[in-house]
Protein backbone atom coordinates (compact mmCIF):
# COMPACT_ATOMS: atom_id res chain seq x y z
CA MET A 1 62.87 145.36 101.71
CA PHE A 2 64.63 144.10 98.56
CA ILE A 3 61.49 144.64 96.49
CA PHE A 4 61.00 148.19 97.82
CA ILE A 5 64.60 149.10 96.97
CA GLY A 6 64.23 147.62 93.50
CA LYS A 7 61.02 149.51 92.82
CA THR A 8 62.63 152.72 94.05
CA LEU A 9 65.63 152.22 91.77
CA TYR A 10 63.35 151.48 88.81
CA SER A 11 61.41 154.68 89.52
CA LEU A 12 64.63 156.68 89.62
CA MET A 13 65.79 155.05 86.38
CA TRP A 14 62.51 155.95 84.66
CA LEU A 15 62.89 159.55 85.88
CA PHE A 16 66.49 159.68 84.67
CA LEU A 17 65.55 158.36 81.22
CA LEU A 18 62.43 160.51 80.82
CA PHE A 19 64.24 163.65 81.99
CA ASN A 20 66.46 163.25 78.95
CA LEU A 21 63.42 163.88 76.74
CA ILE A 22 62.70 167.19 78.48
CA HIS A 23 66.26 168.40 78.98
CA PRO A 24 68.71 166.43 76.81
CA TYR A 25 72.00 165.40 78.33
CA PRO A 26 75.34 166.12 76.61
CA LYS A 27 75.95 164.22 73.38
CA PRO A 28 77.26 160.76 74.36
CA ALA A 29 74.98 160.45 77.41
CA ASN A 30 71.99 161.55 75.32
CA VAL A 31 72.37 158.61 72.96
CA VAL A 32 72.84 156.12 75.80
CA ALA A 33 69.76 157.47 77.61
CA ASN A 34 67.66 157.25 74.44
CA ILE A 35 68.73 153.66 73.82
CA GLY A 36 68.06 152.81 77.46
CA LEU A 37 64.57 154.32 77.25
CA ILE A 38 63.79 152.33 74.12
CA VAL A 39 65.01 149.11 75.75
CA PHE A 40 62.96 149.81 78.89
CA ILE A 41 59.81 150.53 76.89
CA VAL A 42 60.18 147.45 74.69
CA THR A 43 61.02 144.96 77.44
CA HIS A 44 58.48 146.26 79.95
CA GLY A 45 55.91 146.66 77.21
CA LEU A 46 56.33 143.02 76.22
CA GLN A 47 55.96 141.92 79.84
CA ALA A 48 52.81 144.01 80.26
CA TRP A 49 51.38 142.79 76.95
CA MET A 50 51.96 139.14 77.87
CA LEU A 51 50.34 139.63 81.27
CA ASN A 52 47.37 141.46 79.76
CA SER A 53 46.82 138.74 77.16
CA THR A 54 46.74 136.00 79.81
CA MET A 55 44.38 137.77 82.23
CA THR A 56 40.67 137.00 82.24
CA LYS A 57 38.03 139.75 82.22
CA GLN A 58 37.36 139.16 85.90
CA GLU A 59 41.05 139.53 86.78
CA LYS A 60 41.24 142.74 84.76
CA GLN A 61 38.24 144.18 86.60
CA GLN A 62 39.58 143.19 90.03
CA ASP A 63 42.96 144.87 89.60
CA LYS A 64 42.88 147.53 86.89
CA PHE A 65 46.42 148.81 87.47
CA LYS A 66 48.22 145.45 87.59
CA VAL A 67 49.49 145.76 84.02
CA LEU A 68 50.60 149.35 84.57
CA ARG A 69 52.51 148.41 87.72
CA LEU A 70 54.23 145.59 85.81
CA PHE A 71 55.14 148.03 83.04
CA LEU A 72 56.66 150.49 85.51
CA PHE A 73 58.42 148.14 87.93
CA GLY A 74 59.05 145.04 85.82
CA VAL A 75 60.38 142.00 87.60
CA PHE A 76 60.15 143.60 91.05
CA GLU A 77 56.38 143.76 90.70
CA SER A 78 56.40 140.04 89.88
CA PHE A 79 58.45 139.40 93.01
CA SER A 80 55.92 141.30 95.11
CA TRP A 81 53.12 139.09 93.68
CA LYS A 82 55.13 136.02 94.63
CA ASN A 83 55.52 137.30 98.19
CA SER A 84 51.82 138.14 98.48
CA TRP A 85 50.92 134.60 97.35
CA LYS A 86 53.22 133.19 100.05
CA ASP A 87 51.50 135.35 102.66
CA LYS A 88 48.05 134.06 101.63
CA LYS A 89 49.05 130.42 102.08
């Protein structure tokens, strides 16, 4: 449940930040939203890049959207992997 709520909040945050590109907010909120979007893209991009560089070709073929999900949901996607590993054991 915690992971689902986190992913939902991340999705809403992405929508909030990307909506600013289409319809800019008033002046002080516009700057904060732009900085937030840059921070999101850089941090999530680094996470996705590190994951992609450590994956083998076989892992990339098995789950083609793993890196994209990590980019979108960040740490909550990592938590869901941890829970799925627990379920397999």
